[in-house]
Amino acid sequence: MVRSRRVVLPGEERAAAVVVRDGTILAVVAYDADVDCVDDVDLGDVALLPGIVDTHVHINEPGRTEWEGFATATRAAAAGGVTTLIDMPLNSLPPTTDAAALAVKRDAARGAVFVDVGFWGGAVPGNVADLRPLHDDGVFGFKCFASDSGVPEFPPLDEPGMQAAFAEIAAVDGLVIVHAEDPAVLTDPTGGDYAAFLASRPPSAERRAVERVIALAEQTGVRAHVLHLSAADCLAPLADARARGVRVTAETCPHYLTLTADDVPGPAGTAFKCCPPIRDGANRDALWRGLAGGVISCVVTDHSPSTPELKRGDFATAWGGVASLQLGLSAVWTEARARGHALTDVTAWMAANTADLAGLTGRKGRIAPGHDADLVAFDPDAAFTVDPGALHHRHPITPYAARTLTGRATRTWLRGTPIGARPHGTLLCR
């Protein structure tokens, strides 16, 4: 049993005790309940949260394990309160675009994961026939790109290719998740500084691609999800589509909610480079309004690390990806609390809604009877300065370096067992 005066339950926070048996939450009872337990943990005023479900993580193993791997990524996840993650189909080699590649990735992960891990499949030119077998093998959905992915083995879909993939995924009532930037609007940066990079990926690139996703979702009936939304200009078409009954959702990321273009420390600050880019403060404020209003339903890290060598140079040449898996919960809580949001809001965005997106409703993302006992002791008042060397990611690179964050995971349980020095995560199927 784990007791806390601040247990974060669906829609409320109150004093309670969570009773766990055989890895499952048996009951939520009064804080001072007298229950005969093998182990009785009292957290006092430290909050008890459901384990975070991060549905957007690039682990890169096998093939690019020098960028990140299952052991390092999932240790970082556990340290940051993430108990379930879904791995993206790139930048591993081979990418997860057919059943054989999925088997290779599962073999690489087996026995190495500290948290529970599932897998997205990929939709690329020429693999429509592979989508149904991947679905049957348990991927949680299919990622595609509207623009260049950054790696040659995972090319984008053109209009006919996207339409064919959407129709095939709709036929199995699957989920398609889309990197939405229109390549016709993107340009090459005219210099290596951040202003040039930001100008090369304007909000209109996202909006045009999002409108294309909405149109195809409406046409095919597929469930569609817009990844890592950075441009607030997309909120209006998304809200209009949802009001019409189009099955489209959207996520954003901690770096879009907590950082702005003004935070980027010049051409050498490539830890901030990501696609789509971090925009200005007014845009950030609008994203928070979209999140509070429900147009954006999920917050995920899009942890996309690389080697230090690939992050060197300037914004025209460096790899685009933010490493933040261990810091996402703390970063979001720091900003959310300052804006008047509660822990119930944060766990809805980062646990319950992401679990629902992946089809893990009833198992993950909530402290409720029958759910996996994935729990996080979280001190909401603990302030700390980010030391990249103390992170469990493979490489100590993050835009949060030297920033002061508030709120820290102090202990994490996976299915009722404390996560420690040995991995005991499982591989999930849809």
Protein backbone atom coordinates (compact mmCIF):
# COMPACT_ATOMS: atom_id res chain seq x y z
CA MET A 1 0.00 0.00 0.00
CA VAL A 2 1.18 3.51 -0.84
CA ARG A 3 -0.33 6.37 1.18
CA SER A 4 -0.18 10.08 0.40
CA ARG A 5 -2.05 13.17 1.48
CA ARG A 6 -1.94 14.17 -2.21
CA VAL A 7 -3.01 11.23 -4.36
CA VAL A 8 -3.80 12.43 -7.88
CA LEU A 9 -6.89 10.55 -9.01
CA PRO A 10 -8.93 11.12 -12.19
CA GLY A 11 -10.26 14.65 -11.82
CA GLU A 12 -9.35 15.13 -8.17
CA GLU A 13 -6.51 15.24 -5.67
CA ARG A 14 -7.08 13.99 -2.13
CA ALA A 15 -5.58 12.09 0.77
CA ALA A 16 -5.84 8.38 0.06
CA ALA A 17 -4.06 5.04 0.10
CA VAL A 18 -3.55 2.85 -2.96
CA VAL A 19 -3.73 -0.89 -2.34
CA VAL A 20 -1.79 -3.04 -4.80
CA ARG A 21 -1.91 -6.80 -5.34
CA ASP A 22 -0.07 -8.79 -8.02
CA GLY A 23 0.95 -5.62 -9.85
CA THR A 24 -2.59 -4.25 -10.14
CA ILE A 25 -4.38 -1.54 -8.18
CA LEU A 26 -6.88 -3.41 -6.00
CA ALA A 27 -8.51 -0.43 -4.32
CA VAL A 28 -8.19 3.24 -3.41
CA VAL A 29 -9.07 3.64 0.26
CA ALA A 30 -8.88 6.24 3.00
CA TYR A 31 -5.45 7.61 3.83
CA ASP A 32 -5.54 6.18 7.34
CA ALA A 33 -7.15 2.85 6.41
CA ASP A 34 -5.95 -0.17 8.36
CA VAL A 35 -5.01 -2.75 5.73
CA ASP A 36 -2.77 -5.75 6.36
CA CYS A 37 -0.03 -5.27 3.75
CA VAL A 38 3.40 -6.75 3.11
CA ASP A 39 4.73 -3.23 2.53
CA ASP A 40 3.13 0.04 3.68
CA VAL A 41 4.72 3.20 2.26
CA ASP A 42 3.62 6.58 3.60
CA LEU A 43 4.68 9.50 1.39
CA GLY A 44 3.15 12.16 3.62
CA ASP A 45 2.83 15.40 1.64
CA VAL A 46 4.76 14.09 -1.37
CA ALA A 47 2.22 13.59 -4.17
CA LEU A 48 1.39 10.20 -5.66
CA LEU A 49 0.81 10.35 -9.43
CA PRO A 50 -0.07 7.74 -12.03
CA GLY A 51 2.96 6.76 -14.10
CA ILE A 52 3.47 9.06 -17.08
CA VAL A 53 2.69 7.55 -20.50
CA ASP A 54 4.98 9.08 -23.13
CA THR A 55 3.74 8.12 -26.59
CA HIS A 56 6.48 9.93 -28.54
CA VAL A 57 10.01 8.67 -27.93
CA HIS A 58 12.85 7.97 -30.38
CA ILE A 59 15.07 5.24 -28.93
CA ASN A 60 16.99 4.54 -32.18
CA GLU A 61 18.05 0.96 -31.32
CA PRO A 62 19.07 -1.11 -33.22
CA GLY A 63 21.17 0.56 -35.87
CA ARG A 64 21.77 3.93 -34.23
CA THR A 65 22.25 2.82 -30.64
CA GLU A 66 25.13 5.27 -30.34
CA TRP A 67 22.42 7.97 -30.42
CA GLU A 68 20.26 6.32 -27.72
CA GLY A 69 19.33 2.80 -26.65
CA PHE A 70 16.59 0.93 -24.82
CA ALA A 71 18.52 0.63 -21.55
CA THR A 72 19.58 4.28 -21.34
CA ALA A 73 16.28 5.72 -22.57
CA THR A 74 14.11 3.66 -20.25
CA ARG A 75 16.32 4.36 -17.23
CA ALA A 76 15.92 8.06 -17.98
CA ALA A 77 12.18 7.56 -18.37
CA ALA A 78 11.88 5.85 -14.99
CA ALA A 79 13.92 8.57 -13.29
CA GLY A 80 11.52 11.17 -14.68
CA GLY A 81 8.32 9.38 -13.68
CA VAL A 82 7.58 7.79 -17.08
CA THR A 83 6.44 4.18 -16.68
CA THR A 84 5.19 3.51 -20.22
CA LEU A 85 6.54 4.74 -23.53
CA ILE A 86 5.82 4.06 -27.19
CA ASP A 87 8.88 3.98 -29.45
CA MET A 88 8.87 5.70 -32.83
CA PRO A 89 9.58 3.64 -35.99
CA LEU A 90 12.63 5.75 -36.90
CA ASN A 91 15.63 6.39 -36.48
CA SER A 92 16.43 2.74 -35.90
CA LEU A 93 17.88 0.52 -38.61
CA PRO A 94 15.85 -1.12 -39.95
CA PRO A 95 12.94 1.27 -39.44
CA THR A 96 9.75 -0.38 -38.21
CA THR A 97 8.00 -0.48 -41.57
CA ASP A 98 7.29 -4.21 -41.84
CA ALA A 99 6.72 -7.15 -39.51
CA ALA A 100 10.28 -8.44 -39.84
CA ALA A 101 11.71 -5.09 -38.72
CA LEU A 102 9.31 -5.03 -35.76
CA ALA A 103 10.63 -8.42 -34.68
CA VAL A 104 14.21 -7.13 -34.89
CA LYS A 105 13.33 -4.14 -32.72
CA ARG A 106 11.54 -6.28 -30.14
CA ASP A 107 14.56 -8.58 -29.95
CA ALA A 108 16.78 -5.57 -29.28
CA ALA A 109 14.50 -4.33 -26.49
CA ARG A 110 13.75 -7.63 -24.78
CA GLY A 111 15.27 -7.81 -21.31
CA ALA A 112 16.74 -4.28 -21.53
CA VAL A 113 13.80 -2.04 -20.62
CA PHE A 114 13.20 -0.46 -17.21
CA VAL A 115 9.64 0.60 -18.11
CA ASP A 116 6.91 -0.89 -20.29
CA VAL A 117 7.53 -0.25 -23.99
CA GLY A 118 5.30 -0.46 -27.04
CA PHE A 119 6.01 0.32 -30.69
CA TRP A 120 4.62 2.45 -33.49
CA GLY A 121 4.78 1.21 -37.05
CA GLY A 122 5.77 3.35 -40.01
CA ALA A 123 3.92 4.29 -43.20
CA VAL A 124 6.35 5.08 -46.03
CA PRO A 125 6.15 5.00 -49.82
CA GLY A 126 5.53 1.47 -51.08
CA ASN A 127 4.63 -0.29 -47.82
CA VAL A 128 0.81 -0.17 -47.85
CA ALA A 129 0.78 -3.98 -48.02
CA ASP A 130 2.86 -4.12 -44.83
CA LEU A 131 0.49 -2.02 -42.72
CA ARG A 132 -2.08 -4.69 -41.93
CA PRO A 133 0.54 -7.30 -40.89
CA LEU A 134 2.13 -4.70 -38.61
CA HIS A 135 -1.30 -3.94 -37.15
CA ASP A 136 -1.90 -7.65 -36.59
CA ASP A 137 1.48 -7.88 -34.83
CA GLY A 138 0.42 -5.30 -32.28
CA VAL A 139 1.85 -1.89 -33.22
CA PHE A 140 -0.09 0.97 -31.66
CA GLY A 141 -0.53 2.87 -34.92
CA PHE A 142 1.41 4.21 -37.88
CA LYS A 143 3.63 7.24 -38.21
CA CYS A 144 4.13 9.10 -41.47
CA PHE A 145 5.85 12.31 -42.53
CA ALA A 146 4.48 14.99 -44.80
CA SER A 147 8.02 16.39 -45.19
CA ASP A 148 11.56 15.06 -45.06
CA SER A 149 12.17 12.98 -41.93
CA GLY A 150 15.90 13.69 -41.75
CA VAL A 151 16.87 10.06 -42.46
CA PRO A 152 16.83 8.57 -45.97
CA GLU A 153 15.33 5.20 -44.99
CA PHE A 154 12.08 6.81 -43.80
CA PRO A 155 10.89 9.03 -46.68
CA PRO A 156 7.73 11.17 -46.58
CA LEU A 157 4.40 10.33 -48.19
CA ASP A 158 3.11 12.42 -51.07
CA GLU A 159 -0.61 13.16 -51.45
CA PRO A 160 -1.55 9.86 -53.18
CA GLY A 161 0.66 7.89 -50.81
CA MET A 162 -0.89 9.50 -47.77
CA GLN A 163 -4.39 8.89 -49.09
CA ALA A 164 -3.63 5.20 -49.71
CA ALA A 165 -2.07 4.75 -46.27
CA PHE A 166 -4.94 6.55 -44.51
CA ALA A 167 -7.51 4.37 -46.29
CA GLU A 168 -5.68 1.14 -45.41
CA ILE A 169 -5.28 2.18 -41.76
CA ALA A 170 -8.96 3.19 -41.62
CA ALA A 171 -9.90 -0.28 -42.86
CA VAL A 172 -8.50 -1.82 -39.66
CA ASP A 173 -9.70 1.09 -37.50
CA GLY A 174 -6.08 1.94 -36.83
CA LEU A 175 -4.45 5.20 -35.81
CA VAL A 176 -2.25 7.32 -38.06
CA ILE A 177 0.10 9.84 -36.45
CA VAL A 178 1.53 12.56 -38.66
CA HIS A 179 4.57 14.84 -38.67
CA ALA A 180 2.70 17.73 -40.25
CA GLU A 181 4.85 20.27 -42.09
CA ASP A 182 4.18 21.10 -45.74
CA PRO A 183 7.40 20.71 -47.76
CA ALA A 184 6.21 23.26 -50.30
CA VAL A 185 6.41 25.96 -47.62
CA LEU A 186 9.69 24.90 -45.99
CA THR A 187 12.89 26.58 -47.21
CA ASP A 188 16.61 26.16 -46.61
CA PRO A 189 17.90 28.45 -43.85
CA THR A 190 19.74 31.45 -45.28
CA GLY A 191 22.22 31.38 -42.38
CA GLY A 192 23.26 29.38 -39.37
CA ASP A 193 21.53 31.44 -36.67
CA TYR A 194 18.23 30.61 -35.02
CA ALA A 195 16.28 33.42 -36.67
CA ALA A 196 17.07 32.01 -40.11
CA PHE A 197 16.14 28.49 -39.03
CA LEU A 198 12.86 29.69 -37.52
CA ALA A 199 11.99 31.64 -40.69
CA SER A 200 12.63 28.55 -42.80
CA ARG A 201 9.85 26.62 -41.01
CA PRO A 202 6.99 29.14 -40.65
CA PRO A 203 3.65 28.44 -38.96
CA SER A 204 1.99 28.25 -42.38
CA ALA A 205 3.94 25.05 -43.11
CA GLU A 206 2.30 23.38 -40.13
CA ARG A 207 -1.15 24.82 -40.81
CA ARG A 208 -1.23 23.69 -44.44
CA ALA A 209 -0.13 20.19 -43.50
CA VAL A 210 -2.63 19.99 -40.63
CA GLU A 211 -5.43 21.07 -42.97
CA ARG A 212 -4.35 18.30 -45.35
CA VAL A 213 -4.46 15.74 -42.56
CA ILE A 214 -7.92 16.92 -41.53
CA ALA A 215 -9.22 16.66 -45.10
CA LEU A 216 -7.88 13.13 -45.54
CA ALA A 217 -9.18 12.05 -42.14
CA GLU A 218 -12.62 13.39 -43.03
CA GLN A 219 -12.48 11.65 -46.41
CA THR A 220 -11.27 8.25 -45.20
CA GLY A 221 -12.72 8.16 -41.68
CA VAL A 222 -9.33 7.26 -40.21
CA ARG A 223 -8.34 8.23 -36.67
CA ALA A 224 -5.59 10.83 -37.15
CA HIS A 225 -3.27 12.45 -34.63
CA VAL A 226 -1.06 15.49 -35.26
CA LEU A 227 2.37 15.12 -33.69
CA HIS A 228 4.40 17.77 -31.81
CA LEU A 229 2.22 20.77 -32.65
CA SER A 230 4.29 23.93 -32.36
CA ALA A 231 2.26 26.51 -34.32
CA ALA A 232 -0.79 27.95 -32.55
CA ASP A 233 -2.18 28.89 -36.00
CA CYS A 234 -3.26 25.24 -36.26
CA LEU A 235 -5.62 25.39 -33.30
CA ALA A 236 -8.56 26.92 -35.20
CA PRO A 237 -8.74 24.31 -38.00
CA LEU A 238 -8.32 21.52 -35.44
CA ALA A 239 -11.13 22.88 -33.29
CA ASP A 240 -13.39 23.29 -36.32
CA ALA A 241 -12.66 19.74 -37.48
CA ARG A 242 -13.38 18.24 -34.08
CA ALA A 243 -16.64 20.18 -33.90
CA ARG A 244 -17.64 18.55 -37.23
CA GLY A 245 -16.90 15.11 -35.82
CA VAL A 246 -13.62 14.50 -37.62
CA ARG A 247 -11.55 12.00 -35.64
CA VAL A 248 -8.45 14.12 -35.26
CA THR A 249 -6.41 14.90 -32.14
CA ALA A 250 -3.17 16.75 -31.44
CA GLU A 251 -0.27 16.79 -29.02
CA THR A 252 2.40 19.28 -28.08
CA CYS A 253 5.70 19.01 -26.21
CA PRO A 254 7.33 20.41 -23.07
CA HIS A 255 9.80 22.48 -25.08
CA TYR A 256 7.01 24.30 -26.94
CA LEU A 257 5.21 24.98 -23.64
CA THR A 258 8.20 26.07 -21.57
CA LEU A 259 10.79 27.56 -23.94
CA THR A 260 10.66 30.39 -26.49
CA ALA A 261 12.81 31.56 -29.37
CA ASP A 262 14.27 34.21 -27.05
CA ASP A 263 15.76 31.45 -24.88
CA VAL A 264 17.98 30.17 -27.68
CA PRO A 265 21.55 31.29 -26.87
CA GLY A 266 22.80 32.00 -30.40
CA PRO A 267 24.06 29.79 -33.26
CA ALA A 268 25.81 27.38 -30.88
CA GLY A 269 22.60 26.62 -28.98
CA THR A 270 21.70 23.66 -31.16
CA ALA A 271 20.35 21.68 -28.19
CA PHE A 272 17.22 23.79 -28.87
CA LYS A 273 16.94 22.74 -32.52
CA CYS A 274 13.88 20.67 -33.36
CA CYS A 275 11.37 20.38 -36.17
CA PRO A 276 8.93 22.07 -36.06
CA PRO A 277 10.78 24.81 -34.19
CA ILE A 278 10.34 26.49 -30.83
CA ARG A 279 8.48 29.76 -31.53
CA ASP A 280 7.84 33.06 -29.73
CA GLY A 281 6.22 33.76 -26.38
CA ALA A 282 2.83 34.77 -27.78
CA ASN A 283 2.67 31.47 -29.65
CA ARG A 284 3.55 29.61 -26.43
CA ASP A 285 0.74 31.36 -24.57
CA ALA A 286 -1.71 30.37 -27.30
CA LEU A 287 -0.60 26.73 -27.07
CA TRP A 288 -1.38 26.79 -23.35
CA ARG A 289 -4.86 28.11 -24.15
CA GLY A 290 -5.32 25.32 -26.69
CA LEU A 291 -4.24 22.79 -24.09
CA ALA A 292 -6.54 24.21 -21.41
CA GLY A 293 -9.43 24.25 -23.91
CA GLY A 294 -8.93 20.65 -24.99
CA VAL A 295 -7.97 21.30 -28.63
CA ILE A 296 -4.57 19.85 -27.71
CA SER A 297 -5.11 16.73 -25.62
CA CYS A 298 -1.63 15.33 -24.97
CA VAL A 299 1.82 16.48 -23.89
CA VAL A 300 4.71 14.18 -24.88
CA THR A 301 8.46 14.69 -24.99
CA ASP A 302 9.39 13.80 -28.59
CA HIS A 303 12.70 12.72 -27.05
CA SER A 304 14.92 12.68 -30.14
CA PRO A 305 18.60 12.59 -29.19
CA SER A 306 21.70 12.13 -31.31
CA THR A 307 25.42 11.95 -30.80
CA PRO A 308 27.23 15.13 -29.68
CA GLU A 309 28.96 15.27 -33.07
CA LEU A 310 25.61 15.58 -34.87
CA LYS A 311 24.58 18.42 -32.56
CA ARG A 312 27.71 20.46 -33.34
CA GLY A 313 27.76 23.22 -35.91
CA ASP A 314 24.93 25.69 -36.28
CA PHE A 315 21.19 25.67 -36.94
CA ALA A 316 21.65 25.03 -40.64
CA THR A 317 23.62 21.81 -40.14
CA ALA A 318 22.96 20.30 -36.69
CA TRP A 319 20.59 17.40 -36.04
CA GLY A 320 17.10 18.55 -35.10
CA GLY A 321 15.83 16.92 -31.92
CA VAL A 322 15.35 17.73 -28.23
CA ALA A 323 16.49 15.33 -25.50
CA SER A 324 14.14 15.65 -22.52
CA LEU A 325 12.69 12.27 -21.56
CA GLN A 326 13.82 12.51 -17.92
CA LEU A 327 12.75 16.14 -17.57
CA GLY A 328 9.37 16.36 -19.30
CA LEU A 329 7.16 16.01 -16.23
CA SER A 330 9.19 18.51 -14.19
CA ALA A 331 9.34 21.03 -17.05
CA VAL A 332 5.61 20.92 -17.70
CA TRP A 333 4.72 21.12 -14.01
CA THR A 334 7.03 24.11 -13.53
CA GLU A 335 5.18 26.12 -16.18
CA ALA A 336 1.73 24.67 -15.50
CA ARG A 337 1.82 25.60 -11.81
CA ALA A 338 2.91 29.13 -12.67
CA ARG A 339 -0.13 29.39 -14.95
CA GLY A 340 -2.59 28.15 -12.32
CA HIS A 341 -2.96 24.55 -13.41
CA ALA A 342 -3.13 21.62 -11.00
CA LEU A 343 -1.44 18.23 -10.91
CA THR A 344 -4.73 16.74 -12.08
CA ASP A 345 -4.36 18.72 -15.31
CA VAL A 346 -0.78 17.62 -15.87
CA THR A 347 -1.52 13.95 -15.28
CA ALA A 348 -4.51 14.15 -17.63
CA TRP A 349 -2.30 15.57 -20.41
CA MET A 350 0.71 13.31 -19.79
CA ALA A 351 -0.81 10.06 -18.49
CA ALA A 352 -4.56 9.54 -18.96
CA ASN A 353 -4.95 11.15 -22.39
CA THR A 354 -1.78 9.63 -23.80
CA ALA A 355 -2.88 6.20 -22.52
CA ASP A 356 -6.22 6.73 -24.26
CA LEU A 357 -4.48 7.76 -27.48
CA ALA A 358 -2.50 4.51 -27.51
CA GLY A 359 -5.52 2.37 -26.66
CA LEU A 360 -4.30 1.61 -23.14
CA THR A 361 -7.47 2.88 -21.42
CA GLY A 362 -8.31 0.70 -18.44
CA ARG A 363 -4.71 -0.37 -17.95
CA LYS A 364 -2.39 2.66 -17.89
CA GLY A 365 -2.46 6.37 -17.08
CA ARG A 366 -4.77 6.49 -14.05
CA ILE A 367 -4.77 5.57 -10.38
CA ALA A 368 -7.92 3.46 -10.40
CA PRO A 369 -8.87 -0.12 -9.46
CA GLY A 370 -7.96 -2.62 -12.17
CA HIS A 371 -5.18 -0.47 -13.63
CA ASP A 372 -1.51 -1.41 -13.57
CA ALA A 373 0.09 -0.15 -10.36
CA ASP A 374 2.39 2.26 -12.20
CA LEU A 375 2.96 4.98 -9.62
CA VAL A 376 5.21 7.99 -9.12
CA ALA A 377 6.13 9.74 -5.88
CA PHE A 378 6.44 13.36 -6.99
CA ASP A 379 7.56 16.23 -4.80
CA PRO A 380 5.77 19.20 -6.40
CA ASP A 381 7.75 21.80 -4.45
CA ALA A 382 11.28 20.45 -4.94
CA ALA A 383 13.36 22.90 -6.99
CA PHE A 384 16.51 21.75 -8.76
CA THR A 385 18.96 22.99 -11.36
CA VAL A 386 19.32 20.70 -14.36
CA ASP A 387 22.75 19.10 -14.53
CA PRO A 388 23.07 17.30 -17.88
CA GLY A 389 25.73 15.03 -16.40
CA ALA A 390 23.18 13.67 -13.92
CA LEU A 391 20.75 12.55 -16.63
CA HIS A 392 20.43 8.92 -17.68
CA HIS A 393 20.12 9.73 -21.40
CA ARG A 394 23.05 8.34 -23.37
CA HIS A 395 24.44 11.83 -24.07
CA PRO A 396 24.37 14.84 -21.69
CA ILE A 397 22.71 17.25 -24.12
CA THR A 398 19.49 19.11 -23.32
CA PRO A 399 18.13 22.65 -23.78
CA TYR A 400 17.17 22.57 -20.09
CA ALA A 401 20.81 22.60 -18.96
CA ALA A 402 21.30 24.96 -15.99
CA ARG A 403 17.58 25.81 -15.88
CA THR A 404 15.79 25.66 -12.52
CA LEU A 405 12.75 23.38 -12.56
CA THR A 406 10.23 22.70 -9.83
CA GLY A 407 8.84 19.24 -9.08
CA ARG A 408 10.78 16.02 -9.02
CA ALA A 409 10.01 12.30 -9.23
CA THR A 410 11.55 10.70 -6.14
CA ARG A 411 10.42 7.08 -6.53
CA THR A 412 8.74 5.13 -9.32
CA TRP A 413 6.86 1.83 -9.22
CA LEU A 414 6.16 -0.32 -12.28
CA ARG A 415 3.27 -2.70 -11.71
CA GLY A 416 3.77 -2.37 -7.97
CA THR A 417 7.51 -3.01 -7.94
CA PRO A 418 9.99 -0.19 -7.34
CA ILE A 419 12.12 0.47 -10.42
CA GLY A 420 15.72 -0.09 -9.41
CA ALA A 421 19.04 -1.15 -10.86
CA ARG A 422 17.69 -4.09 -12.89
CA PRO A 423 15.18 -3.78 -15.73
CA HIS A 424 11.80 -5.44 -15.33
CA GLY A 425 9.77 -3.68 -18.00
CA THR A 426 7.66 -5.60 -20.49
CA LEU A 427 7.03 -5.19 -24.22
CA LEU A 428 3.47 -4.13 -24.98
CA CYS A 429 1.16 -4.96 -27.87
CA ARG A 430 -1.85 -2.94 -28.87
